[in-house]
Protein backbone atom coordinates (compact mmCIF):
# COMPACT_ATOMS: atom_id res chain seq x y z
CA GLY A 1 -6.95 11.26 -0.64
CA ARG A 2 -9.69 9.36 1.04
CA PHE A 3 -8.06 6.05 1.54
CA PHE A 4 -7.70 6.75 5.08
CA TYR A 5 -10.66 9.05 5.55
CA GLN A 6 -12.51 7.02 8.33
CA PHE A 7 -9.16 6.62 10.24
CA GLY A 8 -8.58 10.32 10.46
CA ILE A 9 -12.10 11.26 11.34
CA THR A 10 -11.89 8.63 14.17
CA VAL A 11 -8.57 9.82 15.67
CA ALA A 12 -9.73 13.79 15.26
CA GLY A 13 -12.87 12.93 17.18
CA ALA A 14 -11.15 10.76 19.97
CA VAL A 15 -8.64 13.69 20.71
CA ILE A 16 -11.48 15.98 20.74
CA ILE A 17 -13.23 13.84 23.36
CA SER A 18 -9.96 13.36 25.40
CA LEU A 19 -9.54 16.98 25.44
CA PHE A 20 -12.89 17.63 26.95
CA VAL A 21 -12.39 14.88 29.61
CA ALA A 22 -8.74 16.19 30.51
CA PHE A 23 -10.69 19.79 31.36
CA THR A 24 -13.84 18.30 33.11
CA LEU A 25 -13.72 14.97 34.30
CA THR A 26 -10.06 14.33 35.16
CA PRO A 27 -9.95 17.51 37.49
CA MET A 28 -13.13 16.29 39.19
CA LEU A 29 -11.72 12.92 39.78
CA SER A 30 -8.38 14.15 40.87
CA SER A 31 -9.86 16.19 43.47
CA ARG A 32 -11.56 13.29 44.82
CA PHE A 33 -9.23 10.61 44.86
CA LEU A 34 -5.76 12.28 44.86
CA LYS A 35 -4.62 12.17 48.51
CA HIS A 36 -1.16 12.61 50.19
CA GLU A 37 0.37 9.40 50.08
CA PRO A 38 2.26 8.08 53.36
CA GLU A 39 5.68 6.63 53.04
CA LEU A 40 5.76 2.92 51.76
CA GLY A 41 6.98 1.95 55.32
CA PRO A 42 9.04 -1.30 55.95
CA TYR A 43 8.36 -4.79 55.00
CA ARG A 44 6.15 -6.93 57.28
CA PRO A 45 6.78 -10.35 58.08
CA GLY A 46 4.06 -12.77 57.79
CA LEU A 47 2.84 -14.79 54.36
CA ILE A 48 -0.51 -12.73 54.74
CA TYR A 49 1.32 -9.44 53.95
CA LEU A 50 2.91 -11.07 50.78
CA PRO A 51 0.98 -9.04 48.36
CA GLY A 52 1.59 -5.88 50.22
CA ASN A 53 5.13 -6.61 50.47
CA LEU A 54 5.36 -7.41 46.76
CA LEU A 55 3.75 -4.33 45.77
CA LYS A 56 6.36 -2.15 48.00
CA TRP A 57 9.18 -3.88 46.42
CA ILE A 58 7.56 -3.06 42.74
CA LEU A 59 7.34 0.53 43.66
CA ARG A 60 10.52 0.93 45.35
CA THR A 61 12.39 -0.56 42.41
CA TRP A 62 10.48 1.44 40.07
CA ASN A 63 11.20 4.51 41.94
CA ASN A 64 14.95 3.89 42.38
CA PHE A 65 15.17 3.07 39.00
CA PHE A 66 13.68 6.19 37.75
CA ASN A 67 15.38 8.31 40.50
CA GLY A 68 18.64 7.10 38.99
CA PHE A 69 18.05 7.56 35.41
CA ASN A 70 16.68 10.89 36.21
CA ASP A 71 19.93 11.79 37.80
CA ARG A 72 21.83 10.25 34.71
CA TYR A 73 19.37 12.51 32.40
CA LYS A 74 20.24 15.80 34.36
CA THR A 75 24.09 14.92 33.99
CA THR A 76 23.49 14.18 30.35
CA LEU A 77 21.33 17.28 29.95
CA GLU A 78 24.10 19.60 31.43
CA TRP A 79 26.81 18.22 29.23
CA VAL A 80 24.93 18.65 25.96
CA LEU A 81 24.13 22.43 26.79
CA HIS A 82 27.82 22.70 27.34
CA HIS A 83 28.51 20.97 24.16
CA ARG A 84 26.21 22.33 21.57
CA LEU A 85 27.74 21.82 18.43
CA ALA A 86 28.76 17.98 18.88
CA THR A 87 25.34 17.57 19.95
CA LEU A 88 23.74 19.21 16.68
CA ILE A 89 26.50 17.39 14.48
CA ILE A 90 25.40 13.69 16.05
CA ALA A 91 21.88 14.67 15.68
CA THR A 92 22.18 15.81 11.92
CA LEU A 93 24.47 12.58 11.54
CA ALA A 94 21.35 10.42 12.96
CA PHE A 95 19.05 12.21 10.71
CA ILE A 96 21.06 11.48 7.60
CA GLY A 97 21.69 8.17 8.32
CA ALA A 98 17.78 7.40 8.74
CA LEU A 99 17.21 9.15 5.46
CA GLY A 100 20.08 6.51 3.95
CA LEU A 101 18.27 3.82 5.61
CA GLY A 102 14.68 4.75 4.22
CA SER A 103 16.27 4.53 0.79
CA MET A 104 17.13 1.09 1.34
CA ILE A 105 13.77 -0.05 2.70
CA PRO A 106 11.43 -1.49 -0.06
CA SER A 107 8.33 -0.01 -0.84
CA GLU A 108 4.84 -1.14 -1.79
CA PHE A 109 1.36 0.03 -1.83
CA THR A 110 -0.40 -1.72 0.46
CA PRO A 111 0.97 -4.34 2.71
CA GLU A 112 -0.11 -8.07 1.59
CA GLN A 113 -2.59 -9.69 3.77
CA ASP A 114 -3.50 -13.28 4.60
CA GLN A 115 -7.17 -13.32 3.51
CA ASN A 116 -7.60 -17.02 3.74
CA GLN A 117 -7.74 -17.09 -0.29
CA ILE A 118 -5.54 -17.36 -3.18
CA TYR A 119 -6.63 -15.91 -6.49
CA ILE A 120 -5.57 -17.51 -9.73
CA SER A 121 -6.05 -15.98 -13.24
CA PHE A 122 -5.44 -18.13 -15.97
CA LYS A 123 -5.03 -18.24 -19.80
CA ALA A 124 -5.40 -21.02 -22.15
CA GLY A 125 -3.99 -20.99 -25.74
CA PRO A 126 -5.32 -18.20 -27.93
CA ASP A 127 -7.29 -20.75 -30.00
CA ALA A 128 -8.46 -23.03 -26.87
CA SER A 129 -12.14 -23.66 -27.03
CA LEU A 130 -14.48 -23.61 -24.14
CA GLU A 131 -14.01 -27.33 -23.73
CA GLU A 132 -10.31 -27.26 -23.86
CA THR A 133 -9.92 -24.64 -21.28
CA ALA A 134 -12.30 -26.24 -18.88
CA ASN A 135 -10.08 -29.63 -19.30
CA LEU A 136 -7.08 -27.36 -18.45
CA ALA A 137 -8.87 -25.93 -15.38
CA ALA A 138 -9.81 -29.15 -13.98
CA ILE A 139 -6.20 -30.57 -14.15
CA ALA A 140 -5.18 -27.16 -12.26
CA GLU A 141 -8.14 -27.92 -9.75
CA GLU A 142 -6.74 -31.43 -9.06
CA LYS A 143 -3.25 -30.11 -8.33
CA ILE A 144 -4.76 -27.37 -5.89
CA ARG A 145 -6.41 -29.81 -4.14
CA MET A 146 -3.50 -31.80 -3.13
CA TYR A 147 -2.84 -29.16 -0.60
CA PRO A 148 -4.42 -30.10 2.83
CA GLU A 149 -5.12 -26.37 3.46
CA VAL A 150 -7.42 -25.87 0.54
CA SER A 151 -11.27 -25.78 1.72
CA HIS A 152 -13.07 -24.67 -1.27
CA ILE A 153 -12.41 -24.02 -5.02
CA LEU A 154 -14.67 -21.61 -7.40
CA THR A 155 -13.57 -21.74 -11.06
CA SER A 156 -15.07 -19.70 -13.69
CA ILE A 157 -14.37 -19.47 -17.18
CA GLY A 158 -15.24 -16.87 -19.60
CA GLY A 159 -17.68 -14.22 -19.57
CA GLU A 160 -19.74 -11.17 -21.41
CA GLN A 161 -16.49 -9.44 -21.58
CA THR A 162 -13.85 -12.23 -20.96
CA PRO A 163 -13.03 -14.77 -23.98
CA VAL A 164 -13.42 -18.61 -23.45
CA ASN A 165 -9.80 -19.15 -23.19
CA GLU A 166 -9.30 -17.03 -19.86
CA GLY A 167 -11.05 -17.53 -16.56
CA THR A 168 -10.02 -17.46 -12.80
CA ILE A 169 -10.00 -19.92 -9.88
CA LEU A 170 -10.53 -18.60 -6.32
CA VAL A 171 -9.15 -21.00 -3.65
CA LYS A 172 -10.16 -20.57 -0.27
CA LEU A 173 -8.30 -21.42 2.92
CA PRO A 174 -9.31 -22.19 6.61
CA PRO A 175 -8.60 -19.32 8.98
CA LYS A 176 -4.86 -18.71 9.66
CA SER A 177 -4.99 -20.35 13.10
CA GLU A 178 -6.33 -23.19 11.88
CA ARG A 179 -3.67 -24.23 9.14
CA LYS A 180 0.28 -24.83 9.41
CA ARG A 181 1.24 -22.47 6.14
CA THR A 182 0.33 -19.08 5.52
CA VAL A 183 -0.92 -17.74 1.88
CA PHE A 184 2.59 -16.40 1.40
CA GLU A 185 4.23 -19.75 1.66
CA LEU A 186 1.53 -21.63 -0.29
CA ILE A 187 1.42 -19.27 -3.16
CA PRO A 188 5.02 -20.12 -4.56
CA LEU A 189 4.24 -23.72 -4.39
CA VAL A 190 0.89 -23.36 -6.24
CA ARG A 191 2.82 -21.25 -9.07
CA GLN A 192 5.31 -24.09 -9.52
CA ASP A 193 2.57 -26.81 -9.66
CA LEU A 194 0.51 -24.99 -12.20
CA SER A 195 3.25 -24.08 -14.21
CA THR A 196 4.06 -27.78 -15.26
CA ILE A 197 0.39 -27.86 -16.86
CA ALA A 198 0.97 -27.51 -20.78
CA GLY A 199 -0.86 -24.66 -22.28
CA PHE A 200 -1.89 -23.29 -19.04
CA ASN A 201 -0.64 -19.66 -18.23
CA PRO A 202 -1.38 -18.95 -14.60
CA GLN A 203 -1.11 -15.59 -12.42
CA VAL A 204 -1.29 -16.49 -8.65
CA ALA A 205 -1.78 -13.87 -6.23
CA THR A 206 -3.65 -13.13 -2.98
CA GLU A 207 -6.07 -11.25 -4.53
CA ALA A 208 -7.48 -9.63 -7.63
CA SER A 209 -5.41 -6.47 -8.73
CA GLU A 210 -6.91 -3.26 -8.45
CA GLY A 211 -6.27 0.16 -10.22
CA GLY A 212 -7.58 -1.03 -13.49
CA GLY A 213 -4.60 -3.43 -14.00
CA SER A 214 -4.38 -7.12 -14.08
CA GLN A 215 -1.09 -7.42 -12.24
CA THR A 216 0.63 -5.72 -9.26
CA VAL A 217 3.34 -4.21 -11.50
CA GLU A 218 2.43 -2.90 -14.83
CA TYR A 219 3.53 -0.40 -17.54
CA SER A 220 2.46 1.19 -20.51
CA VAL A 221 4.43 0.75 -23.45
CA ARG A 222 2.79 3.73 -26.12
CA GLY A 223 3.74 5.24 -29.40
CA PRO A 224 2.17 6.24 -32.80
CA ASP A 225 3.26 2.99 -34.57
CA LEU A 226 2.41 -0.36 -33.37
CA ASN A 227 5.02 -2.40 -34.59
CA ILE A 228 7.76 0.03 -33.09
CA THR A 229 5.76 -0.18 -29.75
CA LYS A 230 5.64 -4.10 -29.76
CA LEU A 231 9.53 -4.29 -30.64
CA ILE A 232 10.06 -1.66 -27.51
CA ALA A 233 7.69 -3.83 -25.21
CA SER A 234 9.46 -6.98 -26.15
CA GLN A 235 12.78 -5.63 -25.02
CA PHE A 236 11.10 -3.88 -22.01
CA GLU A 237 9.50 -7.43 -21.27
CA ASP A 238 12.96 -9.15 -21.27
CA ILE A 239 14.58 -6.72 -18.48
CA MET A 240 11.48 -7.29 -16.45
CA ARG A 241 12.07 -11.01 -16.46
CA GLN A 242 15.40 -10.53 -15.02
CA ALA A 243 13.93 -8.22 -12.27
CA PRO A 244 14.46 -9.53 -8.61
CA GLY A 245 11.00 -10.60 -7.42
CA ALA A 246 9.22 -10.61 -10.90
CA VAL A 247 6.86 -13.75 -11.57
CA ASP A 248 3.99 -14.21 -14.08
CA VAL A 249 5.34 -12.12 -16.41
CA GLN A 250 2.92 -11.16 -19.40
CA ASN A 251 2.99 -9.08 -22.67
CA SER A 252 -0.55 -8.16 -23.87
CA GLU A 253 0.48 -8.47 -27.84
CA LYS A 254 1.67 -12.22 -27.28
CA GLN A 255 -1.92 -13.42 -27.06
CA ALA A 256 -3.08 -12.93 -30.56
CA ARG A 257 -5.97 -14.81 -31.32
CA PRO A 258 -5.95 -17.07 -34.41
CA GLU A 259 -8.71 -16.34 -36.97
CA ILE A 260 -10.37 -17.25 -40.51
CA GLN A 261 -10.14 -14.02 -42.73
CA ILE A 262 -12.64 -14.16 -45.48
CA SER A 263 -11.94 -11.93 -48.57
CA MET A 264 -15.11 -11.54 -50.63
CA ASP A 265 -14.92 -10.93 -54.32
CA ARG A 266 -17.74 -8.07 -54.53
CA ASP A 267 -18.00 -8.12 -58.14
CA VAL A 268 -19.15 -11.70 -58.58
CA ALA A 269 -21.06 -11.54 -55.13
CA ASN A 270 -22.86 -8.56 -56.58
CA ASP A 271 -24.01 -10.63 -60.06
CA LEU A 272 -25.08 -13.57 -57.87
CA GLY A 273 -27.40 -11.21 -55.69
CA LEU A 274 -25.28 -11.47 -52.40
CA SER A 275 -24.37 -8.85 -49.86
CA VAL A 276 -21.24 -8.54 -47.70
CA ALA A 277 -23.66 -8.08 -44.82
CA GLY A 278 -25.81 -11.27 -45.81
CA VAL A 279 -22.79 -13.33 -46.13
CA ALA A 280 -21.47 -12.41 -42.67
CA THR A 281 -24.72 -12.55 -40.96
CA THR A 282 -25.38 -16.09 -42.28
CA ILE A 283 -21.79 -17.21 -41.32
CA ARG A 284 -22.21 -15.77 -37.97
CA ASN A 285 -25.44 -17.48 -37.16
CA LEU A 286 -24.31 -20.73 -38.11
CA ILE A 287 -20.89 -21.09 -36.47
CA ASP A 288 -21.53 -18.80 -33.40
CA GLY A 289 -25.39 -19.71 -33.21
CA VAL A 290 -28.76 -17.45 -32.95
CA VAL A 291 -31.09 -17.64 -29.73
CA ILE A 292 -34.42 -18.84 -31.29
CA SER A 293 -36.34 -19.34 -27.91
CA ARG A 294 -35.69 -19.82 -24.30
CA LEU A 295 -36.33 -23.11 -22.17
CA LYS A 296 -38.30 -22.33 -18.96
CA ASP A 297 -37.28 -25.25 -16.28
CA VAL A 298 -38.80 -24.58 -12.57
CA ASN A 299 -37.08 -21.13 -11.84
CA GLU A 300 -34.36 -21.49 -14.32
CA GLU A 301 -34.47 -20.10 -18.25
CA TYR A 302 -32.29 -21.69 -20.59
CA ASP A 303 -31.28 -20.18 -23.89
CA ILE A 304 -32.26 -22.49 -27.11
CA ARG A 305 -29.45 -21.71 -29.48
CA LEU A 306 -29.62 -22.97 -33.20
CA GLN A 307 -26.06 -23.76 -34.83
CA LEU A 308 -24.40 -26.06 -37.02
CA ALA A 309 -22.91 -29.05 -35.35
CA PRO A 310 -19.53 -29.04 -34.17
CA GLU A 311 -18.39 -31.76 -36.76
CA TYR A 312 -19.41 -29.26 -39.59
CA ARG A 313 -17.45 -26.22 -38.20
CA LYS A 314 -14.24 -27.18 -37.44
CA ASN A 315 -12.05 -25.63 -40.72
CA ILE A 316 -11.82 -23.79 -43.47
CA ASP A 317 -13.42 -26.31 -45.79
CA ASP A 318 -16.62 -26.53 -43.69
CA ILE A 319 -17.24 -22.58 -43.78
CA ALA A 320 -16.33 -22.80 -47.29
CA ARG A 321 -19.27 -25.55 -47.92
CA ILE A 322 -21.60 -23.13 -46.30
CA LYS A 323 -24.40 -22.01 -48.55
CA VAL A 324 -25.91 -18.07 -48.78
CA PRO A 325 -29.11 -17.43 -49.98
CA SER A 326 -28.99 -14.90 -53.08
CA MET A 327 -31.24 -11.86 -53.28
CA LYS A 328 -32.29 -12.39 -56.89
CA LYS A 329 -34.57 -15.36 -58.12
CA VAL A 330 -34.30 -16.92 -61.64
CA GLY A 331 -37.68 -18.37 -62.83
CA GLY A 332 -39.14 -17.73 -59.41
CA GLU A 333 -36.62 -19.91 -57.69
CA ASN A 334 -34.27 -19.07 -54.59
CA TYR A 335 -30.55 -20.13 -55.37
CA LEU A 336 -27.78 -21.20 -52.66
CA PHE A 337 -24.37 -20.31 -53.45
CA GLU A 338 -21.14 -21.71 -51.54
CA VAL A 339 -19.02 -19.16 -49.57
CA GLY A 340 -16.05 -21.15 -51.09
CA ASN A 341 -17.09 -19.71 -54.63
CA ILE A 342 -17.40 -15.99 -53.85
CA ALA A 343 -14.82 -15.57 -51.31
CA GLU A 344 -11.01 -16.33 -50.42
CA MET A 345 -10.27 -17.84 -47.05
CA LYS A 346 -7.14 -18.08 -44.89
CA TRP A 347 -5.56 -18.63 -41.64
CA SER A 348 -4.56 -15.29 -39.66
CA SER A 349 -4.33 -13.78 -36.39
CA SER A 350 -5.07 -10.54 -34.53
CA PRO A 351 -5.03 -9.06 -31.10
CA ASN A 352 -7.73 -9.99 -28.31
CA GLU A 353 -8.09 -6.25 -27.91
CA ILE A 354 -6.67 -3.14 -29.79
CA ARG A 355 -5.16 -0.88 -26.44
CA ARG A 356 -5.08 2.82 -26.74
CA TYR A 357 -3.86 5.45 -24.46
CA ASN A 358 -4.36 8.91 -25.00
CA ARG A 359 -4.75 8.19 -28.61
CA GLN A 360 -1.80 6.29 -28.98
CA ARG A 361 -1.49 2.58 -29.63
CA GLU A 362 -0.53 0.78 -26.27
CA VAL A 363 1.25 -2.60 -25.16
CA ARG A 364 0.89 -3.74 -21.64
CA VAL A 365 3.80 -5.34 -19.80
CA GLY A 366 3.27 -6.72 -16.20
CA CYS A 367 3.94 -9.04 -13.83
CA ASN A 368 3.20 -10.20 -10.10
CA VAL A 369 5.74 -9.81 -7.14
CA ALA A 370 7.22 -13.02 -5.60
CA THR A 371 6.93 -13.65 -2.00
CA GLY A 372 9.50 -11.74 0.11
CA TYR A 373 10.01 -8.83 -2.40
CA ALA A 374 8.27 -5.68 -2.77
CA THR A 375 7.39 -3.56 -5.71
CA SER A 376 10.05 -1.36 -5.40
CA ASN A 377 12.36 -3.75 -6.00
CA ILE A 378 11.29 -4.69 -9.27
CA SER A 379 10.47 -1.15 -10.51
CA ASP A 380 13.55 0.13 -9.44
CA TYR A 381 15.30 -2.38 -11.39
CA LEU A 382 13.47 -1.52 -14.28
CA MET A 383 13.85 2.30 -14.15
CA ALA A 384 17.68 1.56 -13.59
CA ASN A 385 18.03 -0.61 -16.43
CA LEU A 386 15.73 1.34 -18.97
CA ASN A 387 18.42 3.04 -20.78
CA LYS A 388 19.25 -0.10 -22.40
CA ILE A 389 16.32 0.23 -24.60
CA ASN A 390 16.61 2.85 -27.45
CA ILE A 391 13.27 4.66 -27.25
CA PRO A 392 12.81 6.87 -30.25
CA PRO A 393 10.81 9.96 -29.79
CA GLY A 394 7.21 10.12 -29.45
CA TYR A 395 7.38 6.87 -27.59
CA ASP A 396 7.15 6.14 -23.57
CA ILE A 397 7.13 3.49 -21.08
CA LYS A 398 4.93 4.65 -17.86
CA PRO A 399 3.43 2.79 -14.88
CA VAL A 400 -0.19 2.15 -14.85
CA GLY A 401 -2.90 0.09 -12.39
CA MET A 402 -1.56 -0.25 -8.80
CA LEU A 403 2.05 1.27 -9.62
CA GLN A 404 0.44 4.51 -10.68
CA ILE A 405 -1.84 4.72 -7.90
CA MET A 406 1.07 3.99 -5.48
CA GLY A 407 3.09 6.99 -6.88
CA GLU A 408 0.14 9.24 -6.88
CA SER A 409 -0.98 8.10 -3.16
CA PHE A 410 2.72 8.38 -2.02
CA ALA A 411 2.97 12.05 -3.28
CA SER A 412 -0.24 12.71 -1.60
CA ILE A 413 0.87 11.81 1.67
CA PHE A 414 3.81 13.60 1.75
CA MET A 415 1.75 16.60 0.84
CA ALA A 416 -0.48 15.81 3.66
CA MET A 417 2.73 15.63 5.87
CA ALA A 418 3.72 19.27 4.61
CA LEU A 419 0.52 20.58 5.36
CA ALA A 420 0.43 18.66 8.88
CA ILE A 421 3.87 20.65 9.81
CA ILE A 422 2.34 23.97 8.46
CA PHE A 423 -0.45 23.90 10.90
CA ILE A 424 1.79 22.63 13.74
CA TYR A 425 3.83 25.56 13.33
CA LEU A 426 1.00 27.88 13.00
CA LEU A 427 -0.71 26.68 16.34
CA LEU A 428 2.49 26.64 18.29
CA ALA A 429 3.37 30.26 17.06
CA SER A 430 0.09 31.46 18.29
CA GLN A 431 0.17 29.25 21.35
CA PHE A 432 4.00 30.67 22.59
CA GLU A 433 3.65 34.00 20.95
CA SER A 434 6.71 33.39 19.25
CA PHE A 435 8.02 32.71 15.47
CA ILE A 436 11.09 31.12 16.96
CA ASP A 437 10.15 28.97 19.79
CA PRO A 438 7.89 26.54 17.56
CA LEU A 439 11.10 25.95 15.48
CA ALA A 440 12.96 24.22 18.28
CA ILE A 441 9.60 22.41 19.33
CA MET A 442 9.33 21.06 15.78
CA LEU A 443 12.64 19.65 15.67
CA SER A 444 11.17 16.61 17.21
CA LEU A 445 9.53 15.58 13.71
CA PRO A 446 12.67 14.94 11.81
CA LEU A 447 13.99 13.19 15.21
CA ALA A 448 10.88 10.80 15.07
CA VAL A 449 11.35 9.89 11.49
CA VAL A 450 14.98 8.86 12.70
CA GLY A 451 13.24 6.20 15.04
CA ALA A 452 10.63 5.07 12.67
CA LEU A 453 12.71 4.59 9.50
CA LEU A 454 15.37 2.57 11.91
CA LEU A 455 12.85 0.27 13.41
CA MET A 456 11.39 -0.63 10.07
CA PHE A 457 14.75 -1.46 8.71
CA ILE A 458 15.39 -3.51 11.71
CA VAL A 459 12.42 -5.61 11.63
CA GLN A 460 12.71 -5.87 7.72
CA ALA A 461 9.10 -3.78 7.26
CA LYS A 462 8.46 -2.35 4.19
CA LEU A 463 7.46 1.13 3.44
CA SER A 464 3.76 1.57 2.35
CA ILE A 465 0.89 3.87 2.51
CA VAL A 466 0.02 2.41 5.95
CA SER A 467 3.33 3.41 7.50
CA LEU A 468 3.39 6.61 5.99
CA ILE A 469 0.17 7.12 7.64
CA GLY A 470 1.86 6.24 11.01
CA ILE A 471 4.45 8.88 10.31
CA VAL A 472 1.77 11.43 9.58
CA LEU A 473 0.09 10.47 12.78
CA LEU A 474 3.60 10.98 14.45
CA MET A 475 3.82 14.72 13.50
CA GLY A 476 0.87 15.18 16.19
CA LEU A 477 2.14 12.92 18.73
CA VAL A 478 5.92 13.93 19.38
CA THR A 479 5.55 17.66 19.51
CA LYS A 480 3.91 17.28 23.01
CA ASN A 481 6.89 16.13 24.80
CA ALA A 482 8.84 19.16 23.55
CA ILE A 483 6.16 21.33 24.23
CA LEU A 484 6.05 20.23 27.98
CA LEU A 485 9.80 20.82 28.34
CA ILE A 486 10.07 24.11 26.34
CA ASP A 487 6.86 25.44 28.19
CA TYR A 488 8.07 24.63 31.80
CA ALA A 489 11.71 25.94 31.11
CA LYS A 490 9.89 29.33 29.68
CA GLN A 491 7.63 29.32 33.27
CA GLN A 492 10.95 29.08 35.25
CA ARG A 493 12.59 32.03 33.24
CA ARG A 494 9.72 34.01 34.03
CA LYS A 495 10.28 33.41 37.77
CA GLY A 496 13.70 35.03 37.27
CA ILE A 497 16.01 31.89 36.48
CA ASN A 498 18.58 32.02 34.06
CA ARG A 499 17.80 29.72 30.81
CA HIS A 500 20.49 27.22 31.58
CA ASP A 501 19.30 26.27 34.95
CA ALA A 502 15.48 26.46 33.97
CA LEU A 503 16.45 23.87 31.59
CA LEU A 504 18.10 21.76 34.19
CA ILE A 505 14.94 22.12 36.24
CA ALA A 506 12.25 21.63 33.32
CA GLY A 507 14.19 18.20 31.78
CA PRO A 508 14.12 16.36 35.16
CA VAL A 509 10.65 17.54 36.26
CA ARG A 510 9.00 16.95 32.87
CA LEU A 511 10.91 13.69 32.25
CA ARG A 512 8.13 11.56 34.16
CA PRO A 513 5.03 12.71 32.36
CA ILE A 514 7.15 12.47 29.19
CA LEU A 515 7.74 9.04 29.84
CA MET A 516 4.58 8.09 31.04
CA THR A 517 2.63 9.34 27.90
CA THR A 518 5.32 7.71 25.58
CA LEU A 519 5.22 4.34 27.25
CA ALA A 520 1.37 4.35 27.06
CA MET A 521 1.25 5.07 23.53
CA ILE A 522 4.19 2.33 22.57
CA PHE A 523 2.26 -0.15 25.12
CA GLY A 524 -0.99 0.34 22.97
CA MET A 525 0.66 -0.20 19.80
CA LEU A 526 2.83 -3.27 20.56
CA PRO A 527 -0.48 -5.41 20.25
CA LEU A 528 -0.59 -4.18 16.38
CA ALA A 529 3.15 -4.37 15.88
CA PHE A 530 3.00 -8.06 16.68
CA GLY A 531 0.60 -8.80 13.97
CA ILE A 532 -1.95 -10.26 16.19
CA GLY A 533 -5.36 -11.44 14.68
CA PRO A 534 -6.98 -11.52 11.10
CA GLY A 535 -5.89 -8.65 8.88
CA ALA A 536 -2.65 -7.93 11.09
CA GLU A 537 -0.19 -7.49 7.83
CA PHE A 538 -2.28 -4.31 7.29
CA ARG A 539 -2.03 -2.60 10.55
CA ALA A 540 1.48 -3.62 11.81
CA PRO A 541 3.66 -1.44 9.46
CA MET A 542 1.87 1.40 10.93
CA ALA A 543 2.25 0.50 14.58
CA ILE A 544 6.08 -0.24 13.79
CA ALA A 545 6.74 3.29 12.45
CA ILE A 546 4.86 5.00 15.35
CA ILE A 547 6.67 2.89 17.99
CA GLY A 548 10.20 3.87 16.29
CA GLY A 549 9.16 7.40 16.30
CA LEU A 550 8.18 7.73 19.65
CA ILE A 551 11.42 6.13 21.08
CA SER A 552 13.64 7.97 18.67
CA SER A 553 11.53 11.41 19.18
CA THR A 554 11.57 11.11 22.89
CA LEU A 555 15.19 10.52 23.69
CA LEU A 556 16.49 12.82 21.35
CA THR A 557 13.76 15.05 22.13
CA LEU A 558 15.04 15.41 25.93
CA VAL A 559 18.71 16.15 24.82
CA VAL A 560 18.60 17.87 21.43
CA VAL A 561 15.47 19.95 21.70
CA PRO A 562 17.10 22.09 24.58
CA VAL A 563 20.32 22.84 22.83
CA VAL A 564 18.26 23.98 19.80
CA TYR A 565 16.02 26.16 22.18
CA THR A 566 19.05 27.90 23.36
CA ILE A 567 20.81 28.30 19.87
CA LEU A 568 17.45 29.65 18.38
CA ASP A 569 16.96 31.88 21.75
CA ASP A 570 20.18 33.31 21.48
CA ILE A 571 19.56 34.35 17.59
CA ALA A 572 16.29 35.78 18.63
CA ALA A 573 17.86 37.87 21.70
CA LYS A 574 20.36 39.21 19.28
CA LEU A 575 17.51 40.37 16.84
CA VAL A 576 15.53 42.11 19.39
CA GLY A 577 18.42 43.39 21.74
CA HIS A 578 17.10 41.98 24.92
CA GLU A 579 16.31 38.57 26.50
CA THR A 580 13.30 36.76 24.78
CA VAL A 581 11.58 36.07 27.95
CA GLN A 582 11.13 38.74 30.60
CA ARG A 583 11.03 38.35 34.40
CA GLU A 584 7.13 38.58 35.61
CA VAL A 585 6.74 41.34 38.13
CA GLU A 586 4.77 39.93 41.42
CA GLU A 587 1.26 41.25 42.03
CA GLU A 588 2.18 42.59 45.82
CA ALA A 589 5.10 44.49 44.03
CA ASP A 590 2.99 46.28 41.90
CA GLN A 591 0.42 47.20 44.61
CA SER A 592 3.18 48.27 47.09
CA GLU A 593 4.58 50.68 44.20
């Protein structure tokens, strides 16, 4: 809910300050600078008058265009007022069509950005040592350095919570303006090159995944029995591999690590004075090593680890020859016994980690999204084909990580949109002292959605939390046009003008301020929509939604809102038994009476 907290605070603060300026500074400046402008006059000959003549031509051209547009608008407004049913049908079809287009727009959580980097997480074979993993990473680095756009490479392998067969490679690139190819063009090429390395399993993305998952699209397959859960996860993985745009498909249970299982004969061990804990500790100290001291070199300190040499800890026979001291003494002497004499050893495998979700065994199946696709392309395909899997009762497949956060965030945005509509209605109802008039004004809201979705569909933008924030912002922007129109029409009705003529007066008079404010907002959003500057991919969807919503809302509001206003006014008049707007009695008439 706080994803755009700073954005909301900034917009609210700016609107409050602009309201204060509009009530104080603007009237003062208008009284000082606004004068009666004389006629432009004819063009004057001579080169010296060229700038003035050019300005006159621009002003005349604009005024002629606007006057012609105003006349055509008045004619259109008069037509729609006489054909109210046809106008409503057209507006309704436009809204339904926009919703249909909206279902065709792919969605994602946040837009992908060219952040001048490529993030690669990789896994070597389950039994790979640190040296083997480092060799594979070195081969990957050589392939990555072949791209001229690469400036720096940082590789890390293993860690406190990461096994030695896993690691990451962070590839830094120059600024976008200094290279010919974008990150989105490089990622498929890098992924293809790295996939040719035997024993190297990479995942290539623009940044590390958030939300607790390791990939953009991730599902949790859970249930009480691990074997059945594995079977369901395997079938779900097969479906995911066929999904459009799914790359780097991973299954958490397919990375089982080989291990040597040691089963002690407890009776024999007890007779020889050996304990399970003592045997385990001795093997661990010799194989994994134990830190016995630290070496200080200038400002750095290094652990001194004591362990068997590599050639003495390669296989089962080496472990079988490890000698463990007995706790019993015979004739005052300590005896050592080989592990192979008291235990049975065999190769086996086990998962790297045991996953649980809500106390149920879990298997994670996930993938990344290929360039040119969206998260919804994969999730919609998976949900459409989920019925191909026989899921027993008690087992479930649910989205997790970024996909889960995306669903929760979208739900929160729609809730915020609903609250915005309620608050707008309450504010308008108090302002107009009517419960009916705000309904006509608020018709601008669905009309704004028409343009927002239509423009996003035309430019092939993706629906994300950023574009939804733009649609929420539209809720407060587009109602101003209808307010200007309806308020002025009601002023004319209070002067005794009938409703039809009042609307024909209000429309052309309010057309200029409506177009001025709308065009100012559109031109202010154009730099964001064009994607200029670093991080522009993140901001552009919001600007596209706002521009599309403003265009459709302005054009449709000028013709549809007056029609709806007349219909609602007729309904209200029938309910109260008289006209909803009464003519104001002039003060002079009151005094004469």
